[in-house]
Amino acid sequence: MAENGDATVDMTEHEKTYTGFIHLTVLTTAFCIAVVIMLGVGGVGGAWGLAGLGIFLSVIAAIVGFLMNGSALPTAAVTAGILVLKLLLG
Protein backbone atom coordinates (compact mmCIF):
# COMPACT_ATOMS: atom_id res chain seq x y z
CA MET A 1 0.00 0.00 0.00
CA ALA A 2 1.05 3.57 -0.54
CA GLU A 3 2.11 5.66 2.38
CA ASN A 4 0.19 8.80 3.31
CA GLY A 5 2.72 11.07 1.56
CA ASP A 6 2.27 9.25 -1.76
CA ALA A 7 -1.52 9.24 -1.58
CA THR A 8 -1.82 12.87 -2.71
CA VAL A 9 0.23 12.18 -5.83
CA ASP A 10 -1.84 9.10 -6.60
CA MET A 11 -5.08 11.02 -6.01
CA THR A 12 -4.05 13.81 -8.40
CA GLU A 13 -3.29 11.33 -11.16
CA HIS A 14 -6.49 9.47 -10.36
CA GLU A 15 -8.56 12.66 -10.76
CA LYS A 16 -6.89 13.44 -14.11
CA THR A 17 -7.60 9.93 -15.36
CA TYR A 18 -11.19 10.05 -14.13
CA THR A 19 -11.80 13.42 -15.78
CA GLY A 20 -10.42 12.11 -19.07
CA PHE A 21 -12.62 9.02 -18.80
CA ILE A 22 -15.73 11.11 -18.21
CA HIS A 23 -14.95 13.38 -21.18
CA LEU A 24 -14.40 10.40 -23.47
CA THR A 25 -17.59 8.73 -22.23
CA VAL A 26 -19.66 11.85 -22.94
CA LEU A 27 -18.09 12.20 -26.39
CA THR A 28 -18.73 8.54 -27.25
CA THR A 29 -22.33 8.73 -26.02
CA ALA A 30 -22.97 11.86 -28.10
CA PHE A 31 -21.50 10.14 -31.17
CA CYS A 32 -23.65 7.04 -30.67
CA ILE A 33 -26.78 9.17 -30.29
CA ALA A 34 -25.86 11.07 -33.46
CA VAL A 35 -25.47 7.83 -35.42
CA VAL A 36 -28.84 6.52 -34.18
CA ILE A 37 -30.50 9.80 -35.16
CA MET A 38 -28.90 9.62 -38.62
CA LEU A 39 -30.15 6.06 -39.05
CA GLY A 40 -33.60 7.35 -38.13
CA VAL A 41 -33.31 10.11 -40.72
CA GLY A 42 -32.39 7.53 -43.33
CA GLY A 43 -34.83 4.82 -42.32
CA VAL A 44 -37.92 6.84 -41.50
CA GLY A 45 -37.37 9.81 -43.76
CA GLY A 46 -35.80 7.88 -46.63
CA ALA A 47 -32.98 10.40 -46.93
CA TRP A 48 -30.08 7.96 -46.92
CA GLY A 49 -27.74 10.39 -48.68
CA LEU A 50 -28.33 12.99 -45.98
CA ALA A 51 -27.97 10.30 -43.30
CA GLY A 52 -24.64 9.17 -44.79
CA LEU A 53 -23.42 12.74 -44.89
CA GLY A 54 -24.51 13.17 -41.28
CA ILE A 55 -22.63 10.08 -40.13
CA PHE A 56 -19.51 11.18 -42.03
CA LEU A 57 -19.68 14.65 -40.50
CA SER A 58 -20.35 13.13 -37.06
CA VAL A 59 -17.12 11.14 -37.31
CA ILE A 60 -15.22 14.30 -38.16
CA ALA A 61 -17.00 16.19 -35.36
CA ALA A 62 -16.12 13.44 -32.87
CA ILE A 63 -12.45 13.74 -33.84
CA VAL A 64 -12.62 17.51 -33.42
CA GLY A 65 -14.39 17.03 -30.09
CA PHE A 66 -11.66 14.65 -28.97
CA LEU A 67 -9.06 17.27 -29.83
CA MET A 68 -11.12 19.80 -27.84
CA ASN A 69 -10.59 17.76 -24.67
CA GLY A 70 -13.64 15.56 -25.06
CA SER A 71 -16.24 18.15 -25.98
CA ALA A 72 -19.54 16.88 -27.39
CA LEU A 73 -20.47 20.27 -28.86
CA PRO A 74 -19.21 19.61 -32.42
CA THR A 75 -21.17 16.36 -32.63
CA ALA A 76 -24.31 18.03 -31.27
CA ALA A 77 -23.93 20.89 -33.74
CA VAL A 78 -23.58 18.52 -36.71
CA THR A 79 -26.60 16.50 -35.59
CA ALA A 80 -28.72 19.62 -35.17
CA GLY A 81 -27.57 20.90 -38.56
CA ILE A 82 -28.51 17.68 -40.33
CA LEU A 83 -31.92 17.67 -38.63
CA VAL A 84 -32.52 21.26 -39.75
CA LEU A 85 -31.52 20.31 -43.30
CA LYS A 86 -33.93 17.38 -43.19
CA LEU A 87 -36.74 19.66 -42.04
CA LEU A 88 -35.94 22.23 -44.76
CA LEU A 89 -35.54 19.70 -47.57
CA GLY A 90 -38.54 17.63 -46.58
C-alpha atoms as a PDB file:
ATOM      1  CA  MET A   1       0.000   0.000   0.000  1.00  0.00           C
ATOM      2  CA  ALA A   2       1.046   3.572  -0.542  1.00  0.00           C
ATOM      3  CA  GLU A   3       2.106   5.665   2.380  1.00  0.00           C
ATOM      4  CA  ASN A   4       0.189   8.796   3.310  1.00  0.00           C
ATOM      5  CA  GLY A   5       2.716  11.067   1.560  1.00  0.00           C
ATOM      6  CA  ASP A   6       2.266   9.248  -1.757  1.00  0.00           C
ATOM      7  CA  ALA A   7      -1.518   9.237  -1.580  1.00  0.00           C
ATOM      8  CA  THR A   8      -1.817  12.869  -2.713  1.00  0.00           C
ATOM      9  CA  VAL A   9       0.229  12.182  -5.833  1.00  0.00           C
ATOM     10  CA  ASP A  10      -1.841   9.105  -6.598  1.00  0.00           C
ATOM     11  CA  MET A  11      -5.076  11.020  -6.009  1.00  0.00           C
ATOM     12  CA  THR A  12      -4.053  13.810  -8.405  1.00  0.00           C
ATOM     13  CA  GLU A  13      -3.292  11.326 -11.157  1.00  0.00           C
ATOM     14  CA  HIS A  14      -6.494   9.467 -10.362  1.00  0.00           C
ATOM     15  CA  GLU A  15      -8.559  12.658 -10.758  1.00  0.00           C
ATOM     16  CA  LYS A  16      -6.888  13.443 -14.111  1.00  0.00           C
ATOM     17  CA  THR A  17      -7.598   9.933 -15.363  1.00  0.00           C
ATOM     18  CA  TYR A  18     -11.194  10.046 -14.128  1.00  0.00           C
ATOM     19  CA  THR A  19     -11.803  13.421 -15.784  1.00  0.00           C
ATOM     20  CA  GLY A  20     -10.423  12.108 -19.067  1.00  0.00           C
ATOM     21  CA  PHE A  21     -12.615   9.019 -18.799  1.00  0.00           C
ATOM     22  CA  ILE A  22     -15.729  11.115 -18.208  1.00  0.00           C
ATOM     23  CA  HIS A  23     -14.951  13.384 -21.183  1.00  0.00           C
ATOM     24  CA  LEU A  24     -14.398  10.397 -23.467  1.00  0.00           C
ATOM     25  CA  THR A  25     -17.593   8.725 -22.235  1.00  0.00           C
ATOM     26  CA  VAL A  26     -19.658  11.851 -22.940  1.00  0.00           C
ATOM     27  CA  LEU A  27     -18.095  12.196 -26.387  1.00  0.00           C
ATOM     28  CA  THR A  28     -18.728   8.543 -27.245  1.00  0.00           C
ATOM     29  CA  THR A  29     -22.332   8.733 -26.020  1.00  0.00           C
ATOM     30  CA  ALA A  30     -22.969  11.864 -28.100  1.00  0.00           C
ATOM     31  CA  PHE A  31     -21.497  10.144 -31.169  1.00  0.00           C
ATOM     32  CA  CYS A  32     -23.653   7.037 -30.668  1.00  0.00           C
ATOM     33  CA  ILE A  33     -26.778   9.167 -30.286  1.00  0.00           C
ATOM     34  CA  ALA A  34     -25.862  11.074 -33.460  1.00  0.00           C
ATOM     35  CA  VAL A  35     -25.471   7.829 -35.421  1.00  0.00           C
ATOM     36  CA  VAL A  36     -28.836   6.525 -34.180  1.00  0.00           C
ATOM     37  CA  ILE A  37     -30.504   9.799 -35.162  1.00  0.00           C
ATOM     38  CA  MET A  38     -28.901   9.619 -38.617  1.00  0.00           C
ATOM     39  CA  LEU A  39     -30.153   6.057 -39.048  1.00  0.00           C
ATOM     40  CA  GLY A  40     -33.599   7.350 -38.131  1.00  0.00           C
ATOM     41  CA  VAL A  41     -33.312  10.109 -40.724  1.00  0.00           C
ATOM     42  CA  GLY A  42     -32.395   7.527 -43.332  1.00  0.00           C
ATOM     43  CA  GLY A  43     -34.832   4.823 -42.318  1.00  0.00           C
ATOM     44  CA  VAL A  44     -37.923   6.839 -41.504  1.00  0.00           C
ATOM     45  CA  GLY A  45     -37.373   9.810 -43.762  1.00  0.00           C
ATOM     46  CA  GLY A  46     -35.804   7.883 -46.629  1.00  0.00           C
ATOM     47  CA  ALA A  47     -32.979  10.399 -46.929  1.00  0.00           C
ATOM     48  CA  TRP A  48     -30.079   7.962 -46.924  1.00  0.00           C
ATOM     49  CA  GLY A  49     -27.740  10.393 -48.680  1.00  0.00           C
ATOM     50  CA  LEU A  50     -28.330  12.987 -45.981  1.00  0.00           C
ATOM     51  CA  ALA A  51     -27.969  10.304 -43.298  1.00  0.00           C
ATOM     52  CA  GLY A  52     -24.643   9.169 -44.786  1.00  0.00           C
ATOM     53  CA  LEU A  53     -23.424  12.741 -44.886  1.00  0.00           C
ATOM     54  CA  GLY A  54     -24.515  13.168 -41.275  1.00  0.00           C
ATOM     55  CA  ILE A  55     -22.626  10.081 -40.130  1.00  0.00           C
ATOM     56  CA  PHE A  56     -19.509  11.177 -42.027  1.00  0.00           C
ATOM     57  CA  LEU A  57     -19.683  14.653 -40.497  1.00  0.00           C
ATOM     58  CA  SER A  58     -20.348  13.135 -37.061  1.00  0.00           C
ATOM     59  CA  VAL A  59     -17.121  11.144 -37.312  1.00  0.00           C
ATOM     60  CA  ILE A  60     -15.217  14.305 -38.156  1.00  0.00           C
ATOM     61  CA  ALA A  61     -16.999  16.190 -35.361  1.00  0.00           C
ATOM     62  CA  ALA A  62     -16.122  13.436 -32.874  1.00  0.00           C
ATOM     63  CA  ILE A  63     -12.448  13.740 -33.842  1.00  0.00           C
ATOM     64  CA  VAL A  64     -12.620  17.512 -33.424  1.00  0.00           C
ATOM     65  CA  GLY A  65     -14.393  17.030 -30.090  1.00  0.00           C
ATOM     66  CA  PHE A  66     -11.660  14.651 -28.970  1.00  0.00           C
ATOM     67  CA  LEU A  67      -9.059  17.268 -29.829  1.00  0.00           C
ATOM     68  CA  MET A  68     -11.122  19.801 -27.842  1.00  0.00           C
ATOM     69  CA  ASN A  69     -10.587  17.763 -24.665  1.00  0.00           C
ATOM     70  CA  GLY A  70     -13.640  15.557 -25.062  1.00  0.00           C
ATOM     71  CA  SER A  71     -16.245  18.148 -25.984  1.00  0.00           C
ATOM     72  CA  ALA A  72     -19.539  16.877 -27.386  1.00  0.00           C
ATOM     73  CA  LEU A  73     -20.467  20.265 -28.864  1.00  0.00           C
ATOM     74  CA  PRO A  74     -19.211  19.611 -32.425  1.00  0.00           C
ATOM     75  CA  THR A  75     -21.167  16.356 -32.629  1.00  0.00           C
ATOM     76  CA  ALA A  76     -24.307  18.026 -31.269  1.00  0.00           C
ATOM     77  CA  ALA A  77     -23.926  20.892 -33.745  1.00  0.00           C
ATOM     78  CA  VAL A  78     -23.580  18.520 -36.710  1.00  0.00           C
ATOM     79  CA  THR A  79     -26.599  16.497 -35.592  1.00  0.00           C
ATOM     80  CA  ALA A  80     -28.720  19.620 -35.171  1.00  0.00           C
ATOM     81  CA  GLY A  81     -27.565  20.901 -38.557  1.00  0.00           C
ATOM     82  CA  ILE A  82     -28.514  17.682 -40.325  1.00  0.00           C
ATOM     83  CA  LEU A  83     -31.922  17.666 -38.631  1.00  0.00           C
ATOM     84  CA  VAL A  84     -32.524  21.264 -39.748  1.00  0.00           C
ATOM     85  CA  LEU A  85     -31.519  20.309 -43.304  1.00  0.00           C
ATOM     86  CA  LYS A  86     -33.927  17.384 -43.191  1.00  0.00           C
ATOM     87  CA  LEU A  87     -36.739  19.662 -42.045  1.00  0.00           C
ATOM     88  CA  LEU A  88     -35.944  22.229 -44.761  1.00  0.00           C
ATOM     89  CA  LEU A  89     -35.543  19.704 -47.571  1.00  0.00           C
ATOM     90  CA  GLY A  90     -38.544  17.628 -46.584  1.00  0.00           C
END
